[in-house]
PDB file of N, CA and C in Angstrom:
ATOM      1  N   MET A   1      62.915 -45.420 -38.435  1.00  0.00           N
ATOM      2  CA  MET A   1      62.724 -44.342 -37.489  1.00  0.00           C
ATOM      3  C   MET A   1      61.238 -44.018 -37.402  1.00  0.00           C
ATOM      4  N   THR A   2      60.706 -44.071 -36.236  1.00  0.00           N
ATOM      5  CA  THR A   2      59.289 -43.763 -36.047  1.00  0.00           C
ATOM      6  C   THR A   2      59.171 -42.521 -35.178  1.00  0.00           C
ATOM      7  N   SER A   3      58.155 -41.741 -35.465  1.00  0.00           N
ATOM      8  CA  SER A   3      57.893 -40.563 -34.640  1.00  0.00           C
ATOM      9  C   SER A   3      56.539 -40.731 -33.984  1.00  0.00           C
ATOM     10  N   ARG A   4      56.444 -40.307 -32.790  1.00  0.00           N
ATOM     11  CA  ARG A   4      55.197 -40.449 -32.049  1.00  0.00           C
ATOM     12  C   ARG A   4      54.392 -39.168 -32.185  1.00  0.00           C
ATOM     13  N   LEU A   5      53.170 -39.309 -32.682  1.00  0.00           N
ATOM     14  CA  LEU A   5      52.275 -38.172 -32.785  1.00  0.00           C
ATOM     15  C   LEU A   5      51.604 -37.932 -31.441  1.00  0.00           C
ATOM     16  N   PRO A   6      51.299 -36.683 -31.116  1.00  0.00           N
ATOM     17  CA  PRO A   6      50.656 -36.420 -29.826  1.00  0.00           C
ATOM     18  C   PRO A   6      49.256 -37.004 -29.788  1.00  0.00           C
ATOM     19  N   ASP A   7      48.884 -37.545 -28.652  1.00  0.00           N
ATOM     20  CA  ASP A   7      47.554 -38.116 -28.475  1.00  0.00           C
ATOM     21  C   ASP A   7      46.571 -36.982 -28.222  1.00  0.00           C
ATOM     22  N   VAL A   8      45.611 -36.821 -29.133  1.00  0.00           N
ATOM     23  CA  VAL A   8      44.687 -35.691 -29.065  1.00  0.00           C
ATOM     24  C   VAL A   8      43.766 -35.798 -27.859  1.00  0.00           C
ATOM     25  N   PHE A   9      43.396 -37.001 -27.486  1.00  0.00           N
ATOM     26  CA  PHE A   9      42.429 -37.168 -26.412  1.00  0.00           C
ATOM     27  C   PHE A   9      43.077 -37.564 -25.090  1.00  0.00           C
ATOM     28  N   SER A  10      44.360 -37.305 -24.946  1.00  0.00           N
ATOM     29  CA  SER A  10      45.002 -37.617 -23.675  1.00  0.00           C
ATOM     30  C   SER A  10      44.510 -36.635 -22.611  1.00  0.00           C
ATOM     31  N   PRO A  11      44.528 -37.040 -21.357  1.00  0.00           N
ATOM     32  CA  PRO A  11      44.034 -36.154 -20.294  1.00  0.00           C
ATOM     33  C   PRO A  11      44.777 -34.835 -20.190  1.00  0.00           C
ATOM     34  N   SER A  12      46.041 -34.797 -20.610  1.00  0.00           N
ATOM     35  CA  SER A  12      46.800 -33.554 -20.502  1.00  0.00           C
ATOM     36  C   SER A  12      46.387 -32.550 -21.582  1.00  0.00           C
ATOM     37  N   VAL A  13      45.774 -33.024 -22.677  1.00  0.00           N
ATOM     38  CA  VAL A  13      45.384 -32.139 -23.764  1.00  0.00           C
ATOM     39  C   VAL A  13      43.933 -31.687 -23.610  1.00  0.00           C
ATOM     40  N   MET A  14      43.030 -32.626 -23.345  1.00  0.00           N
ATOM     41  CA  MET A  14      41.611 -32.304 -23.186  1.00  0.00           C
ATOM     42  C   MET A  14      41.348 -31.887 -21.743  1.00  0.00           C
ATOM     43  N   GLN A  15      40.592 -30.791 -21.592  1.00  0.00           N
ATOM     44  CA  GLN A  15      40.252 -30.322 -20.257  1.00  0.00           C
ATOM     45  C   GLN A  15      38.750 -30.150 -20.160  1.00  0.00           C
ATOM     46  N   TYR A  16      38.204 -30.618 -19.076  1.00  0.00           N
ATOM     47  CA  TYR A  16      36.773 -30.520 -18.841  1.00  0.00           C
ATOM     48  C   TYR A  16      36.529 -29.428 -17.814  1.00  0.00           C
ATOM     49  N   GLY A  17      35.598 -28.528 -18.117  1.00  0.00           N
ATOM     50  CA  GLY A  17      35.283 -27.438 -17.204  1.00  0.00           C
ATOM     51  C   GLY A  17      34.358 -27.898 -16.097  1.00  0.00           C
ATOM     52  N   GLU A  18      33.979 -26.951 -15.279  1.00  0.00           N
ATOM     53  CA  GLU A  18      33.055 -27.272 -14.188  1.00  0.00           C
ATOM     54  C   GLU A  18      31.658 -27.477 -14.746  1.00  0.00           C
ATOM     55  N   THR A  19      30.944 -28.394 -14.144  1.00  0.00           N
ATOM     56  CA  THR A  19      29.589 -28.677 -14.615  1.00  0.00           C
ATOM     57  C   THR A  19      28.674 -27.502 -14.303  1.00  0.00           C
ATOM     58  N   ILE A  20      27.752 -27.258 -15.208  1.00  0.00           N
ATOM     59  CA  ILE A  20      26.781 -26.179 -15.051  1.00  0.00           C
ATOM     60  C   ILE A  20      25.404 -26.815 -14.977  1.00  0.00           C
ATOM     61  N   ARG A  21      24.733 -26.579 -13.892  1.00  0.00           N
ATOM     62  CA  ARG A  21      23.400 -27.162 -13.682  1.00  0.00           C
ATOM     63  C   ARG A  21      22.366 -26.183 -14.221  1.00  0.00           C
ATOM     64  N   VAL A  22      21.663 -26.580 -15.299  1.00  0.00           N
ATOM     65  CA  VAL A  22      20.672 -25.701 -15.913  1.00  0.00           C
ATOM     66  C   VAL A  22      19.351 -25.802 -15.182  1.00  0.00           C
ATOM     67  N   ASP A  23      18.880 -27.016 -14.986  1.00  0.00           N
ATOM     68  CA  ASP A  23      17.663 -27.244 -14.204  1.00  0.00           C
ATOM     69  C   ASP A  23      17.802 -28.607 -13.528  1.00  0.00           C
ATOM     70  N   ASP A  24      16.710 -29.147 -13.003  1.00  0.00           N
ATOM     71  CA  ASP A  24      16.783 -30.418 -12.282  1.00  0.00           C
ATOM     72  C   ASP A  24      17.161 -31.581 -13.187  1.00  0.00           C
ATOM     73  N   ARG A  25      16.934 -31.464 -14.493  1.00  0.00           N
ATOM     74  CA  ARG A  25      17.167 -32.574 -15.414  1.00  0.00           C
ATOM     75  C   ARG A  25      18.403 -32.404 -16.281  1.00  0.00           C
ATOM     76  N   THR A  26      18.925 -31.181 -16.446  1.00  0.00           N
ATOM     77  CA  THR A  26      19.960 -30.917 -17.441  1.00  0.00           C
ATOM     78  C   THR A  26      21.238 -30.387 -16.794  1.00  0.00           C
ATOM     79  N   THR A  27      22.365 -30.977 -17.211  1.00  0.00           N
ATOM     80  CA  THR A  27      23.683 -30.539 -16.772  1.00  0.00           C
ATOM     81  C   THR A  27      24.556 -30.364 -18.013  1.00  0.00           C
ATOM     82  N   ILE A  28      25.372 -29.313 -18.029  1.00  0.00           N
ATOM     83  CA  ILE A  28      26.255 -29.029 -19.152  1.00  0.00           C
ATOM     84  C   ILE A  28      27.698 -29.147 -18.674  1.00  0.00           C
ATOM     85  N   LEU A  29      28.535 -29.833 -19.494  1.00  0.00           N
ATOM     86  CA  LEU A  29      29.948 -30.015 -19.191  1.00  0.00           C
ATOM     87  C   LEU A  29      30.775 -29.490 -20.363  1.00  0.00           C
ATOM     88  N   PRO A  30      31.403 -28.307 -20.231  1.00  0.00           N
ATOM     89  CA  PRO A  30      32.217 -27.768 -21.335  1.00  0.00           C
ATOM     90  C   PRO A  30      33.541 -28.516 -21.471  1.00  0.00           C
ATOM     91  N   VAL A  31      34.012 -28.640 -22.726  1.00  0.00           N
ATOM     92  CA  VAL A  31      35.271 -29.332 -23.025  1.00  0.00           C
ATOM     93  C   VAL A  31      36.149 -28.394 -23.838  1.00  0.00           C
ATOM     94  N   SER A  32      37.420 -28.278 -23.459  1.00  0.00           N
ATOM     95  CA  SER A  32      38.363 -27.450 -24.200  1.00  0.00           C
ATOM     96  C   SER A  32      39.644 -28.247 -24.429  1.00  0.00           C
ATOM     97  N   ARG A  33      40.459 -27.758 -25.371  1.00  0.00           N
ATOM     98  CA  ARG A  33      41.720 -28.413 -25.709  1.00  0.00           C
ATOM     99  C   ARG A  33      42.848 -27.424 -25.459  1.00  0.00           C
ATOM    100  N   ARG A  34      43.894 -27.888 -24.825  1.00  0.00           N
ATOM    101  CA  ARG A  34      45.062 -27.046 -24.571  1.00  0.00           C
ATOM    102  C   ARG A  34      46.077 -27.292 -25.679  1.00  0.00           C
ATOM    103  N   SER A  35      46.509 -26.204 -26.324  1.00  0.00           N
ATOM    104  CA  SER A  35      47.493 -26.325 -27.401  1.00  0.00           C
ATOM    105  C   SER A  35      48.884 -26.458 -26.813  1.00  0.00           C
ATOM    106  N   THR A  36      49.867 -26.654 -27.694  1.00  0.00           N
ATOM    107  CA  THR A  36      51.244 -26.807 -27.225  1.00  0.00           C
ATOM    108  C   THR A  36      51.780 -25.505 -26.628  1.00  0.00           C
ATOM    109  N   ARG A  37      51.184 -24.384 -27.022  1.00  0.00           N
ATOM    110  CA  ARG A  37      51.608 -23.085 -26.482  1.00  0.00           C
ATOM    111  C   ARG A  37      50.882 -22.718 -25.190  1.00  0.00           C
ATOM    112  N   GLY A  38      49.931 -23.541 -24.776  1.00  0.00           N
ATOM    113  CA  GLY A  38      49.237 -23.302 -23.525  1.00  0.00           C
ATOM    114  C   GLY A  38      47.898 -22.618 -23.678  1.00  0.00           C
ATOM    115  N   ALA A  39      47.518 -22.225 -24.877  1.00  0.00           N
ATOM    116  CA  ALA A  39      46.232 -21.564 -25.085  1.00  0.00           C
ATOM    117  C   ALA A  39      45.117 -22.608 -25.116  1.00  0.00           C
ATOM    118  N   GLU A  40      43.961 -22.222 -24.609  1.00  0.00           N
ATOM    119  CA  GLU A  40      42.809 -23.126 -24.614  1.00  0.00           C
ATOM    120  C   GLU A  40      41.861 -22.773 -25.746  1.00  0.00           C
ATOM    121  N   THR A  41      41.358 -23.802 -26.423  1.00  0.00           N
ATOM    122  CA  THR A  41      40.407 -23.644 -27.508  1.00  0.00           C
ATOM    123  C   THR A  41      39.177 -24.469 -27.176  1.00  0.00           C
ATOM    124  N   ALA A  42      37.996 -23.876 -27.316  1.00  0.00           N
ATOM    125  CA  ALA A  42      36.760 -24.603 -27.036  1.00  0.00           C
ATOM    126  C   ALA A  42      36.557 -25.696 -28.077  1.00  0.00           C
ATOM    127  N   VAL A  43      36.238 -26.895 -27.616  1.00  0.00           N
ATOM    128  CA  VAL A  43      35.995 -28.027 -28.497  1.00  0.00           C
ATOM    129  C   VAL A  43      34.506 -28.288 -28.608  1.00  0.00           C
ATOM    130  N   GLY A  44      33.797 -28.160 -27.529  1.00  0.00           N
ATOM    131  CA  GLY A  44      32.352 -28.403 -27.529  1.00  0.00           C
ATOM    132  C   GLY A  44      31.863 -28.583 -26.114  1.00  0.00           C
ATOM    133  N   LEU A  45      30.696 -29.207 -25.993  1.00  0.00           N
ATOM    134  CA  LEU A  45      30.166 -29.469 -24.670  1.00  0.00           C
ATOM    135  C   LEU A  45      29.285 -30.697 -24.680  1.00  0.00           C
ATOM    136  N   PHE A  46      29.266 -31.351 -23.527  1.00  0.00           N
ATOM    137  CA  PHE A  46      28.360 -32.471 -23.302  1.00  0.00           C
ATOM    138  C   PHE A  46      27.128 -31.932 -22.604  1.00  0.00           C
ATOM    139  N   THR A  47      25.959 -32.318 -23.098  1.00  0.00           N
ATOM    140  CA  THR A  47      24.707 -31.983 -22.442  1.00  0.00           C
ATOM    141  C   THR A  47      24.120 -33.276 -21.905  1.00  0.00           C
ATOM    142  N   ILE A  48      23.936 -33.344 -20.617  1.00  0.00           N
ATOM    143  CA  ILE A  48      23.411 -34.549 -19.985  1.00  0.00           C
ATOM    144  C   ILE A  48      21.995 -34.242 -19.519  1.00  0.00           C
ATOM    145  N   THR A  49      21.022 -34.896 -20.151  1.00  0.00           N
ATOM    146  CA  THR A  49      19.617 -34.702 -19.814  1.00  0.00           C
ATOM    147  C   THR A  49      19.011 -36.053 -19.482  1.00  0.00           C
ATOM    148  N   ASP A  50      18.497 -36.191 -18.289  1.00  0.00           N
ATOM    149  CA  ASP A  50      17.876 -37.434 -17.816  1.00  0.00           C
ATOM    150  C   ASP A  50      18.789 -38.637 -18.007  1.00  0.00           C
ATOM    151  N   GLY A  51      20.079 -38.466 -17.794  1.00  0.00           N
ATOM    152  CA  GLY A  51      21.032 -39.560 -17.884  1.00  0.00           C
ATOM    153  C   GLY A  51      21.544 -39.850 -19.285  1.00  0.00           C
ATOM    154  N   ALA A  52      21.015 -39.199 -20.312  1.00  0.00           N
ATOM    155  CA  ALA A  52      21.477 -39.399 -21.687  1.00  0.00           C
ATOM    156  C   ALA A  52      22.374 -38.224 -22.079  1.00  0.00           C
ATOM    157  N   ALA A  53      23.584 -38.552 -22.521  1.00  0.00           N
ATOM    158  CA  ALA A  53      24.544 -37.512 -22.886  1.00  0.00           C
ATOM    159  C   ALA A  53      24.544 -37.286 -24.390  1.00  0.00           C
ATOM    160  N   THR A  54      24.599 -36.015 -24.802  1.00  0.00           N
ATOM    161  CA  THR A  54      24.725 -35.665 -26.207  1.00  0.00           C
ATOM    162  C   THR A  54      25.925 -34.729 -26.352  1.00  0.00           C
ATOM    163  N   TRP A  55      26.636 -34.851 -27.477  1.00  0.00           N
ATOM    164  CA  TRP A  55      27.819 -34.044 -27.757  1.00  0.00           C
ATOM    165  C   TRP A  55      27.440 -32.932 -28.723  1.00  0.00           C
ATOM    166  N   THR A  56      27.810 -31.701 -28.414  1.00  0.00           N
ATOM    167  CA  THR A  56      27.587 -30.562 -29.291  1.00  0.00           C
ATOM    168  C   THR A  56      28.947 -29.924 -29.578  1.00  0.00           C
ATOM    169  N   PRO A  57      29.447 -30.034 -30.830  1.00  0.00           N
ATOM    170  CA  PRO A  57      30.763 -29.464 -31.126  1.00  0.00           C
ATOM    171  C   PRO A  57      30.706 -27.948 -31.223  1.00  0.00           C
ATOM    172  N   ALA A  58      31.809 -27.303 -30.887  1.00  0.00           N
ATOM    173  CA  ALA A  58      31.934 -25.857 -31.039  1.00  0.00           C
ATOM    174  C   ALA A  58      32.335 -25.575 -32.490  1.00  0.00           C
ATOM    175  N   VAL A  59      31.688 -24.613 -33.119  1.00  0.00           N
ATOM    176  CA  VAL A  59      31.945 -24.285 -34.519  1.00  0.00           C
ATOM    177  C   VAL A  59      32.544 -22.887 -34.590  1.00  0.00           C
ATOM    178  N   ASP A  60      33.689 -22.769 -35.283  1.00  0.00           N
ATOM    179  CA  ASP A  60      34.350 -21.485 -35.462  1.00  0.00           C
ATOM    180  C   ASP A  60      33.860 -20.885 -36.778  1.00  0.00           C
ATOM    181  N   MET A  61      32.857 -20.010 -36.714  1.00  0.00           N
ATOM    182  CA  MET A  61      32.263 -19.435 -37.918  1.00  0.00           C
ATOM    183  C   MET A  61      33.238 -18.519 -38.652  1.00  0.00           C
ATOM    184  N   GLY A  62      34.156 -17.892 -37.941  1.00  0.00           N
ATOM    185  CA  GLY A  62      35.157 -17.052 -38.597  1.00  0.00           C
ATOM    186  C   GLY A  62      36.010 -17.847 -39.564  1.00  0.00           C
ATOM    187  N   ARG A  63      36.398 -19.049 -39.166  1.00  0.00           N
ATOM    188  CA  ARG A  63      37.193 -19.912 -40.037  1.00  0.00           C
ATOM    189  C   ARG A  63      36.386 -20.366 -41.247  1.00  0.00           C
ATOM    190  N   ILE A  64      35.116 -20.675 -41.047  1.00  0.00           N
ATOM    191  CA  ILE A  64      34.256 -21.101 -42.156  1.00  0.00           C
ATOM    192  C   ILE A  64      34.070 -19.960 -43.146  1.00  0.00           C
ATOM    193  N   HIS A  65      33.863 -18.736 -42.655  1.00  0.00           N
ATOM    194  CA  HIS A  65      33.711 -17.585 -43.548  1.00  0.00           C
ATOM    195  C   HIS A  65      34.997 -17.307 -44.318  1.00  0.00           C
ATOM    196  N   LEU A  66      36.139 -17.444 -43.665  1.00  0.00           N
ATOM    197  CA  LEU A  66      37.421 -17.223 -44.334  1.00  0.00           C
ATOM    198  C   LEU A  66      37.640 -18.238 -45.454  1.00  0.00           C
ATOM    199  N   ILE A  67      37.319 -19.497 -45.212  1.00  0.00           N
ATOM    200  CA  ILE A  67      37.469 -20.523 -46.245  1.00  0.00           C
ATOM    201  C   ILE A  67      36.545 -20.227 -47.421  1.00  0.00           C
ATOM    202  N   GLY A  68      35.308 -19.787 -47.159  1.00  0.00           N
ATOM    203  CA  GLY A  68      34.385 -19.444 -48.232  1.00  0.00           C
ATOM    204  C   GLY A  68      34.871 -18.264 -49.062  1.00  0.00           C
ATOM    205  N   ALA A  69      35.387 -17.240 -48.397  1.00  0.00           N
ATOM    206  CA  ALA A  69      35.881 -16.064 -49.119  1.00  0.00           C
ATOM    207  C   ALA A  69      37.105 -16.421 -49.969  1.00  0.00           C
ATOM    208  N   LEU A  70      38.009 -17.208 -49.420  1.00  0.00           N
ATOM    209  CA  LEU A  70      39.196 -17.609 -50.187  1.00  0.00           C
ATOM    210  C   LEU A  70      38.823 -18.494 -51.375  1.00  0.00           C
ATOM    211  N   THR A  71      37.841 -19.367 -51.199  1.00  0.00           N
ATOM    212  CA  THR A  71      37.393 -20.207 -52.309  1.00  0.00           C
ATOM    213  C   THR A  71      36.811 -19.352 -53.425  1.00  0.00           C
ATOM    214  N   GLY A  72      35.999 -18.356 -53.085  1.00  0.00           N
ATOM    215  CA  GLY A  72      35.438 -17.455 -54.088  1.00  0.00           C
ATOM    216  C   GLY A  72      36.511 -16.645 -54.792  1.00  0.00           C
ATOM    217  N   LEU A  73      37.494 -16.174 -54.047  1.00  0.00           N
ATOM    218  CA  LEU A  73      38.586 -15.399 -54.641  1.00  0.00           C
ATOM    219  C   LEU A  73      39.404 -16.242 -55.616  1.00  0.00           C
ATOM    220  N   ILE A  74      39.700 -17.458 -55.240  1.00  0.00           N
ATOM    221  CA  ILE A  74      40.460 -18.347 -56.126  1.00  0.00           C
ATOM    222  C   ILE A  74      39.657 -18.678 -57.377  1.00  0.00           C
ATOM    223  N   ALA A  75      38.352 -18.940 -57.225  1.00  0.00           N
ATOM    224  CA  ALA A  75      37.510 -19.246 -58.388  1.00  0.00           C
ATOM    225  C   ALA A  75      37.433 -18.047 -59.335  1.00  0.00           C
ATOM    226  N   ALA A  76      37.295 -16.837 -58.788  1.00  0.00           N
ATOM    227  CA  ALA A  76      37.232 -15.640 -59.631  1.00  0.00           C
ATOM    228  C   ALA A  76      38.559 -15.405 -60.351  1.00  0.00           C
ATOM    229  N   THR A  77      39.658 -15.617 -59.665  1.00  0.00           N
ATOM    230  CA  THR A  77      40.971 -15.440 -60.284  1.00  0.00           C
ATOM    231  C   THR A  77      41.189 -16.440 -61.413  1.00  0.00           C
ATOM    232  N   LEU A  78      40.854 -17.689 -61.193  1.00  0.00           N
ATOM    233  CA  LEU A  78      41.011 -18.697 -62.240  1.00  0.00           C
ATOM    234  C   LEU A  78      40.077 -18.427 -63.414  1.00  0.00           C
ATOM    235  N   GLY A  79      38.851 -17.981 -63.145  1.00  0.00           N
ATOM    236  CA  GLY A  79      37.912 -17.650 -64.217  1.00  0.00           C
ATOM    237  C   GLY A  79      38.392 -16.486 -65.057  1.00  0.00           C
ATOM    238  N   CYS A  80      38.882 -15.444 -64.404  1.00  0.00           N
ATOM    239  CA  CYS A  80      39.406 -14.284 -65.144  1.00  0.00           C
ATOM    240  C   CYS A  80      40.629 -14.655 -65.972  1.00  0.00           C
ATOM    241  N   THR A  81      41.493 -15.470 -65.414  1.00  0.00           N
ATOM    242  CA  THR A  81      42.677 -15.904 -66.144  1.00  0.00           C
ATOM    243  C   THR A  81      42.291 -16.705 -67.381  1.00  0.00           C
ATOM    244  N   ALA A  82      41.293 -17.574 -67.245  1.00  0.00           N
ATOM    245  CA  ALA A  82      40.864 -18.384 -68.387  1.00  0.00           C
ATOM    246  C   ALA A  82      40.252 -17.512 -69.478  1.00  0.00           C
ATOM    247  N   VAL A  83      39.469 -16.521 -69.095  1.00  0.00           N
ATOM    248  CA  VAL A  83      38.829 -15.647 -70.080  1.00  0.00           C
ATOM    249  C   VAL A  83      39.863 -14.755 -70.767  1.00  0.00           C
ATOM    250  N   LEU A  84      40.804 -14.226 -70.034  1.00  0.00           N
ATOM    251  CA  LEU A  84      41.803 -13.342 -70.623  1.00  0.00           C
ATOM    252  C   LEU A  84      42.772 -14.085 -71.540  1.00  0.00           C
ATOM    253  N   ARG A  85      43.080 -15.304 -71.230  1.00  0.00           N
ATOM    254  CA  ARG A  85      43.997 -16.064 -72.084  1.00  0.00           C
ATOM    255  C   ARG A  85      43.298 -16.552 -73.348  1.00  0.00           C
ATOM    256  N   ARG A  86      42.073 -16.991 -73.240  1.00  0.00           N
ATOM    257  CA  ARG A  86      41.318 -17.477 -74.390  1.00  0.00           C
ATOM    258  C   ARG A  86      39.849 -17.158 -74.134  1.00  0.00           C
ATOM    259  N   PRO A  87      39.309 -16.112 -74.771  1.00  0.00           N
ATOM    260  CA  PRO A  87      37.911 -15.749 -74.536  1.00  0.00           C
ATOM    261  C   PRO A  87      36.960 -16.876 -74.943  1.00  0.00           C
ATOM    262  N   PRO A  88      35.808 -16.969 -74.278  1.00  0.00           N
ATOM    263  CA  PRO A  88      34.880 -18.056 -74.570  1.00  0.00           C
ATOM    264  C   PRO A  88      34.118 -17.868 -75.889  1.00  0.00           C
ATOM    265  N   TRP A  89      34.160 -16.672 -76.493  1.00  0.00           N
ATOM    266  CA  TRP A  89      33.450 -16.464 -77.747  1.00  0.00           C
ATOM    267  C   TRP A  89      34.347 -16.847 -78.927  1.00  0.00           C
ATOM    268  N   PRO A  90      33.750 -17.174 -80.073  1.00  0.00           N
ATOM    269  CA  PRO A  90      34.560 -17.615 -81.218  1.00  0.00           C
ATOM    270  C   PRO A  90      35.295 -16.442 -81.870  1.00  0.00           C
ATOM    271  N   ASN A  91      36.350 -16.773 -82.615  1.00  0.00           N
ATOM    272  CA  ASN A  91      37.086 -15.759 -83.361  1.00  0.00           C
ATOM    273  C   ASN A  91      36.258 -15.321 -84.570  1.00  0.00           C
ATOM    274  N   VAL A  92      36.057 -14.021 -84.699  1.00  0.00           N
ATOM    275  CA  VAL A  92      35.313 -13.478 -85.833  1.00  0.00           C
ATOM    276  C   VAL A  92      36.302 -12.681 -86.679  1.00  0.00           C
ATOM    277  N   THR A  93      36.632 -13.207 -87.838  1.00  0.00           N
ATOM    278  CA  THR A  93      37.556 -12.507 -88.713  1.00  0.00           C
ATOM    279  C   THR A  93      36.935 -12.448 -90.115  1.00  0.00           C
ATOM    280  N   ILE A  94      37.242 -11.385 -90.845  1.00  0.00           N
ATOM    281  CA  ILE A  94      36.764 -11.215 -92.208  1.00  0.00           C
ATOM    282  C   ILE A  94      37.970 -11.347 -93.119  1.00  0.00           C
ATOM    283  N   ASP A  95      37.934 -12.365 -93.967  1.00  0.00           N
ATOM    284  CA  ASP A  95      39.030 -12.603 -94.925  1.00  0.00           C
ATOM    285  C   ASP A  95      38.611 -12.085 -96.290  1.00  0.00           C
ATOM    286  N   ARG A  96      39.440 -11.308 -96.959  1.00  0.00           N
ATOM    287  CA  ARG A  96      39.135 -10.818 -98.312  1.00  0.00           C
ATOM    288  C   ARG A  96      40.099 -11.375 -99.291  1.00  0.00           C
TER     289      ARG A  96
END
């Protein structure tokens, strides 16, 4: 039994916006992706300058900040658990 995965770069998924003319040499072409629910998400844009195209991806800084905060929280939780279960200092006992 095989299942077919959706083609990410099919024309029905990727949508290109209207070109934006910045000056005589530069044109910008925005690219977005349509999800299965119909919402559009920015993917990036093509910048065409003097016939040479460059790709600039869209970066979701909110997602990057969330991943950083969760990583710090998990590291702090694991560190506290390790210290509470077995402290890093040696056992000091006086035997008589």
